[in-house]
């Protein structure tokens, strides 16, 4: 009996367990249904709210519709008035258009004739402009040539005046030296006469040796006074050496020029006139003047 009871009890427990599982499943399903119901309630509330808003909008639209209908009637009246005004303007514009077309046609005819006249005038003007340009070019060319000639003549005149002045000075010096030489010759002649004279009283009046010495010194001075001149000219590729009243022209591969209000002479040719050779040291940027006859002498660096 106990075993039967136990067996019965086990069966009951299994049934209870199955029922509990079903109950749990039903509770879960109930919870889901409850949630679905809540969601639907929320949606319904949202829809109700949306419906309320739409009702409000509909009322507003109806109110606006009434206002629009009222304004529409006013607009219709205004449209009619505007249409009348447009019709009136259209009629006026057509009349004006016709008048303008007539005037345009008249102006086109005038313009056509004016264009022909303008074309002729333009051609004549172009011819006169070309003639004026040629005349201006010729005048400019002549004036430029005249100015260049005047400038050159003035420059040559100044240079020639300076050169003539210097030549006059040099010739004057040469003349003085020549006169001194002639004086020396006459003095030597006088000494010869004194030496030939028998009158000892005349010889006693002079210290012969002293006077001879003075004459020799004077002769050396005269020789020393016979200077050599080198004349450079601006913008010329040559210079003139003047000695004993004679002129020798030396041509250069460069020209003398003016810079910063100073006359710039080529170093090499300036050195030649002083009796020096010139050597160049490009690394030290030096020009070295050296004695022509003895290159072993000390060199002067500039």
Protein backbone atom coordinates (compact mmCIF):
# COMPACT_ATOMS: atom_id res chain seq x y z
CA UNK A 1 0.00 0.00 0.00
CA UNK A 2 2.82 2.32 0.90
CA UNK A 3 4.45 1.67 -2.43
CA UNK A 4 1.17 2.35 -4.18
CA UNK A 5 0.78 5.48 -2.13
CA UNK A 6 4.34 6.54 -3.00
CA UNK A 7 3.75 5.84 -6.65
CA UNK A 8 0.57 7.87 -6.52
CA UNK A 9 2.41 10.65 -4.73
CA UNK A 10 5.15 10.68 -7.35
CA UNK A 11 2.55 10.95 -10.08
CA UNK A 12 0.90 13.83 -8.25
CA UNK A 13 4.25 15.59 -7.85
CA UNK A 14 4.93 15.20 -11.56
CA UNK A 15 1.50 16.62 -12.33
CA UNK A 16 2.14 19.49 -9.92
CA UNK A 17 5.50 20.13 -11.58
CA UNK A 18 3.90 20.13 -15.03
CA UNK A 19 1.16 22.42 -13.81
CA UNK A 20 3.78 24.75 -12.28
CA UNK A 21 5.64 24.88 -15.57
CA UNK A 22 2.39 25.64 -17.41
CA UNK A 23 1.61 28.28 -14.81
CA UNK A 24 5.02 29.90 -15.31
CA UNK A 25 4.51 29.81 -19.07
CA UNK A 26 1.07 31.36 -18.70
CA UNK A 27 2.49 34.07 -16.41
CA UNK A 28 5.15 34.91 -19.01
CA UNK A 29 2.52 35.01 -21.74
CA UNK A 30 0.32 37.16 -19.50
CA UNK A 31 3.21 39.55 -18.94
CA UNK A 32 3.78 39.78 -22.69
CA UNK A 33 0.10 40.38 -23.32
CA UNK A 34 0.04 42.99 -20.57
CA UNK A 35 3.01 44.73 -22.16
CA UNK A 36 1.37 44.61 -25.58
CA UNK A 37 -1.80 46.07 -24.07
CA UNK A 38 0.22 48.85 -22.43
CA UNK A 39 1.97 49.58 -25.72
CA UNK A 40 -1.34 49.70 -27.52
CA UNK A 41 -2.75 51.99 -24.82
CA UNK A 42 0.24 54.29 -25.30
CA UNK A 43 -0.26 54.24 -29.06
CA UNK A 44 -3.94 54.98 -28.58
CA UNK A 45 -3.06 57.91 -26.32
CA UNK A 46 -0.58 59.15 -28.92
CA UNK A 47 -3.16 58.82 -31.65
CA UNK A 48 -5.70 60.63 -29.52
CA UNK A 49 -3.19 63.43 -28.95
CA UNK A 50 -2.43 63.56 -32.67
CA UNK A 51 -6.15 63.64 -33.40
CA UNK A 52 -6.55 66.52 -30.98
CA UNK A 53 -3.72 68.39 -32.71
CA UNK A 54 -5.26 67.67 -36.11
CA UNK A 55 -8.64 68.87 -34.87
CA UNK A 56 -6.95 72.07 -33.70
CA UNK A 57 -5.22 72.47 -37.06
CA UNK A 58 -8.48 71.78 -38.89
CA UNK A 59 -10.17 74.50 -36.85
CA UNK A 60 -7.31 76.88 -37.63
CA UNK A 61 -7.50 76.00 -41.32
CA UNK A 62 -11.25 76.53 -41.33
CA UNK A 63 -10.72 79.91 -39.72
CA UNK A 64 -8.04 80.76 -42.27
CA UNK A 65 -10.30 79.48 -45.04
CA UNK A 66 -12.95 81.96 -44.02
CA UNK A 67 -10.37 84.73 -43.91
CA UNK A 68 -9.06 83.61 -47.32
CA UNK A 69 -12.54 83.60 -48.79
CA UNK A 70 -13.06 87.13 -47.51
CA UNK A 71 -9.70 88.26 -48.85
CA UNK A 72 -10.37 86.36 -52.08
CA UNK A 73 -13.43 88.47 -52.76
CA UNK A 74 -11.34 91.59 -52.11
CA UNK A 75 -8.59 90.23 -54.36
CA UNK A 76 -11.10 89.54 -57.10
CA UNK A 77 -12.19 93.14 -56.93
CA UNK A 78 -8.58 94.29 -57.05
CA UNK A 79 -7.86 91.88 -59.92
CA UNK A 80 -10.74 93.33 -61.87
CA UNK A 81 -9.43 96.83 -61.23
CA UNK A 82 -5.91 95.76 -62.21
CA UNK A 83 -7.21 94.06 -65.34
CA UNK A 84 -8.93 97.26 -66.34
CA UNK A 85 -5.74 99.20 -65.71
CA UNK A 86 -3.74 96.60 -67.69
CA UNK A 87 -6.14 96.82 -70.60
CA UNK A 88 -5.82 100.58 -70.54
CA UNK A 89 -2.01 100.37 -70.36
CA UNK A 90 -1.96 97.76 -73.11
CA UNK A 91 -3.90 100.04 -75.37
CA UNK A 92 -1.61 102.95 -74.51
CA UNK A 93 1.51 100.80 -74.97
CA UNK A 94 0.34 99.63 -78.38
CA UNK A 95 -0.10 103.21 -79.45
CA UNK A 96 3.29 104.11 -77.96
CA UNK A 97 4.87 101.06 -79.60
CA UNK A 98 3.58 102.12 -82.96
CA UNK A 99 4.92 105.64 -82.46
CA UNK A 100 8.30 104.23 -81.33
CA UNK A 101 8.49 101.91 -84.32
CA UNK A 102 7.90 104.86 -86.61
CA UNK A 103 10.56 106.89 -84.80
CA UNK A 104 13.00 103.93 -84.83
CA UNK A 105 12.50 103.52 -88.54
CA UNK A 106 13.15 107.21 -89.04
CA UNK A 107 16.24 107.06 -86.80
CA UNK A 108 17.56 103.99 -88.63
CA UNK A 109 17.35 105.86 -91.90
CA UNK A 110 19.14 108.83 -90.32
CA UNK A 111 21.71 106.50 -88.72
CA UNK A 112 22.40 104.86 -92.05
CA UNK A 113 23.12 108.19 -93.68
CA UNK A 114 25.10 109.29 -90.59
CA UNK A 115 27.20 106.11 -90.67
CA UNK A 116 28.16 106.80 -94.25
CA UNK A 117 29.15 110.35 -93.35
CA UNK A 118 31.02 109.11 -90.24
CA UNK A 119 32.84 106.52 -92.35
CA UNK A 120 33.96 109.20 -94.78
CA UNK A 121 35.00 111.51 -91.96
CA UNK A 122 36.86 108.66 -90.24
CA UNK A 123 38.77 107.86 -93.42
CA UNK A 124 39.72 111.51 -93.82
CA UNK A 125 40.69 111.67 -90.13
CA UNK A 126 42.85 108.54 -90.42
CA UNK A 127 44.64 110.04 -93.41
CA UNK A 128 45.26 113.29 -91.53
CA UNK A 129 46.45 111.36 -88.46
CA UNK A 130 48.93 109.37 -90.58
CA UNK A 131 50.16 112.58 -92.20
CA UNK A 132 50.47 114.21 -88.76
CA UNK A 133 52.37 111.17 -87.43
CA UNK A 134 54.79 111.32 -90.33
CA UNK A 135 55.28 115.05 -89.83
CA UNK A 136 55.78 114.57 -86.08
CA UNK A 137 58.27 111.74 -86.66
CA UNK A 138 60.19 113.83 -89.16
CA UNK A 139 60.13 116.83 -86.81
CA UNK A 140 61.25 114.68 -83.87
CA UNK A 141 63.98 113.12 -85.97
CA UNK A 142 65.18 116.52 -87.18
CA UNK A 143 65.02 118.04 -83.69
CA UNK A 144 66.84 115.02 -82.23
CA UNK A 145 69.52 115.23 -84.91
CA UNK A 146 69.78 118.98 -84.37
CA UNK A 147 70.05 118.56 -80.59
CA UNK A 148 72.63 115.80 -80.95
CA UNK A 149 74.56 117.93 -83.42
CA UNK A 150 74.39 120.96 -81.11
CA UNK A 151 75.46 118.84 -78.12
CA UNK A 152 78.29 117.30 -80.12
CA UNK A 153 79.36 120.68 -81.52
CA UNK A 154 79.23 122.21 -78.04
CA UNK A 155 81.16 119.29 -76.59
CA UNK A 156 83.73 119.35 -79.39
CA UNK A 157 83.94 123.12 -79.06
CA UNK A 158 84.61 122.85 -75.31
CA UNK A 159 87.08 120.03 -75.82
CA UNK A 160 88.79 121.88 -78.64
CA UNK A 161 88.91 125.05 -76.57
CA UNK A 162 90.45 123.15 -73.65
CA UNK A 163 92.85 121.37 -75.97
CA UNK A 164 93.71 124.59 -77.81
CA UNK A 165 94.32 126.31 -74.51
CA UNK A 166 96.59 123.52 -73.34
CA UNK A 167 98.36 123.44 -76.70
CA UNK A 168 98.89 127.21 -76.50
CA UNK A 169 100.36 126.79 -73.03
CA UNK A 170 102.60 123.97 -74.23
CA UNK A 171 103.73 125.90 -77.29
CA UNK A 172 104.44 128.88 -75.05
CA UNK A 173 106.59 126.70 -72.82
CA UNK A 174 108.34 125.24 -75.87
CA UNK A 175 108.98 128.77 -77.16
CA UNK A 176 110.38 129.83 -73.79
CA UNK A 177 112.63 126.76 -73.76
CA UNK A 178 113.76 127.55 -77.30
CA UNK A 179 114.50 131.15 -76.31
CA UNK A 180 116.44 129.87 -73.32
CA UNK A 181 118.42 127.56 -75.62
CA UNK A 182 119.18 130.50 -77.94
CA UNK A 183 120.23 132.57 -74.92
CA UNK A 184 122.50 129.72 -73.89
CA UNK A 185 124.03 129.59 -77.37
CA UNK A 186 124.66 133.35 -77.34
CA UNK A 187 126.10 133.02 -73.85
CA UNK A 188 128.43 130.22 -75.01
CA UNK A 189 129.47 132.41 -77.91
CA UNK A 190 130.18 135.20 -75.47
CA UNK A 191 132.34 132.85 -73.40
CA UNK A 192 134.27 131.84 -76.48
CA UNK A 193 134.96 135.49 -77.25
CA UNK A 194 136.08 136.05 -73.66
CA UNK A 195 138.39 133.06 -73.81
CA UNK A 196 139.92 134.31 -77.05
CA UNK A 197 140.41 137.86 -75.73
CA UNK A 198 143.92 138.94 -74.78
CA UNK A 199 142.77 141.47 -72.26
CA UNK A 200 143.40 139.84 -68.87
CA UNK A 201 141.51 142.59 -67.05
CA UNK A 202 138.25 141.33 -68.56
CA UNK A 203 138.95 137.73 -67.44
CA UNK A 204 139.84 138.89 -63.98
CA UNK A 205 136.39 140.42 -63.57
CA UNK A 206 134.67 136.96 -63.76
CA UNK A 207 135.11 133.70 -61.99
CA UNK A 208 135.22 131.53 -65.08
CA UNK A 209 134.65 128.20 -63.38
CA UNK A 210 131.76 129.54 -61.31
CA UNK A 211 130.00 131.00 -64.32
CA UNK A 212 130.51 127.81 -66.31
CA UNK A 213 128.97 125.82 -63.48
CA UNK A 214 125.97 128.16 -63.36
CA UNK A 215 125.53 127.86 -67.12
CA UNK A 216 125.59 124.05 -66.90
CA UNK A 217 122.97 124.05 -64.12
CA UNK A 218 120.78 126.41 -66.13
CA UNK A 219 121.11 124.14 -69.17
CA UNK A 220 120.05 121.13 -67.10
CA UNK A 221 117.09 123.09 -65.79
CA UNK A 222 116.07 123.98 -69.34
CA UNK A 223 116.24 120.33 -70.38
CA UNK A 224 114.25 119.41 -67.31
CA UNK A 225 111.62 122.04 -68.16
CA UNK A 226 111.03 120.39 -71.51
CA UNK A 227 108.00 118.44 -70.26
CA UNK A 228 105.91 115.79 -71.99
CA UNK A 229 102.13 116.18 -71.79
CA UNK A 230 99.42 113.52 -72.23
CA UNK A 231 95.94 114.93 -72.90
CA UNK A 232 92.94 112.60 -72.35
CA UNK A 233 89.47 113.60 -73.59
CA UNK A 234 86.11 112.38 -72.28
CA UNK A 235 84.27 109.90 -74.54
CA UNK A 236 87.34 109.56 -76.81
CA UNK A 237 89.19 106.29 -77.42
CA UNK A 238 92.56 108.01 -77.83
CA UNK A 239 94.88 110.44 -76.04
CA UNK A 240 97.47 112.92 -77.38
CA UNK A 241 101.12 113.09 -76.31
CA UNK A 242 102.56 116.59 -76.81
CA UNK A 243 106.33 117.02 -76.81
CA UNK A 244 108.54 119.64 -78.42
CA UNK A 245 105.47 121.24 -79.99
CA UNK A 246 104.53 117.99 -81.74
CA UNK A 247 101.41 115.90 -81.15
CA UNK A 248 101.32 112.08 -81.17
CA UNK A 249 97.93 110.31 -81.02
CA UNK A 250 97.69 106.99 -79.14
CA UNK A 251 94.52 104.93 -79.62
CA UNK A 252 92.99 102.93 -76.74
CA UNK A 253 90.57 99.99 -76.54
CA UNK A 254 88.52 101.92 -73.95
CA UNK A 255 87.30 105.50 -73.45
CA UNK A 256 87.67 108.04 -70.68
CA UNK A 257 84.32 108.83 -69.06
CA UNK A 258 82.67 110.82 -66.25
CA UNK A 259 81.25 109.18 -63.12
CA UNK A 260 80.14 110.88 -59.89
CA UNK A 261 81.34 114.20 -61.40
CA UNK A 262 84.88 112.80 -61.76
CA UNK A 263 86.87 112.00 -64.90
CA UNK A 264 87.68 108.26 -64.96
CA UNK A 265 90.87 107.33 -66.89
CA UNK A 266 91.95 103.77 -67.86
CA UNK A 267 94.68 102.71 -65.41
CA UNK A 268 96.87 100.99 -68.01
CA UNK A 269 97.15 103.99 -70.35
CA UNK A 270 97.54 106.45 -67.47
CA UNK A 271 100.46 104.30 -66.27
CA UNK A 272 102.00 104.27 -69.75
CA UNK A 273 102.05 108.08 -69.83
CA UNK A 274 103.99 108.03 -66.52
CA UNK A 275 106.55 105.56 -67.87
CA UNK A 276 105.28 102.44 -66.08
CA UNK A 277 104.11 99.01 -67.11
CA UNK A 278 100.94 97.61 -65.47
CA UNK A 279 100.49 94.08 -64.16
CA UNK A 280 97.18 92.76 -62.84
CA UNK A 281 96.52 90.33 -59.99
CA UNK A 282 92.87 89.27 -60.28
CA UNK A 283 92.97 87.19 -57.09
CA UNK A 284 93.95 90.24 -55.01
CA UNK A 285 92.18 92.75 -57.29
CA UNK A 286 95.42 94.71 -57.69
CA UNK A 287 96.93 96.82 -60.46
CA UNK A 288 100.73 96.96 -60.11
CA UNK A 289 102.80 99.75 -61.69
CA UNK A 290 106.34 98.58 -62.52
CA UNK A 291 109.38 100.33 -64.00
CA UNK A 292 109.69 99.61 -67.72
CA UNK A 293 113.48 99.36 -67.86
CA UNK A 294 114.13 97.50 -64.60
CA UNK A 295 111.31 95.19 -63.46
CA UNK A 296 113.39 94.14 -60.42
CA UNK A 297 112.83 97.54 -58.81
CA UNK A 298 110.31 97.72 -55.90
CA UNK A 299 106.74 97.69 -57.23
CA UNK A 300 104.08 100.16 -56.20
CA UNK A 301 100.65 98.64 -55.53
CA UNK A 302 97.53 100.79 -55.99
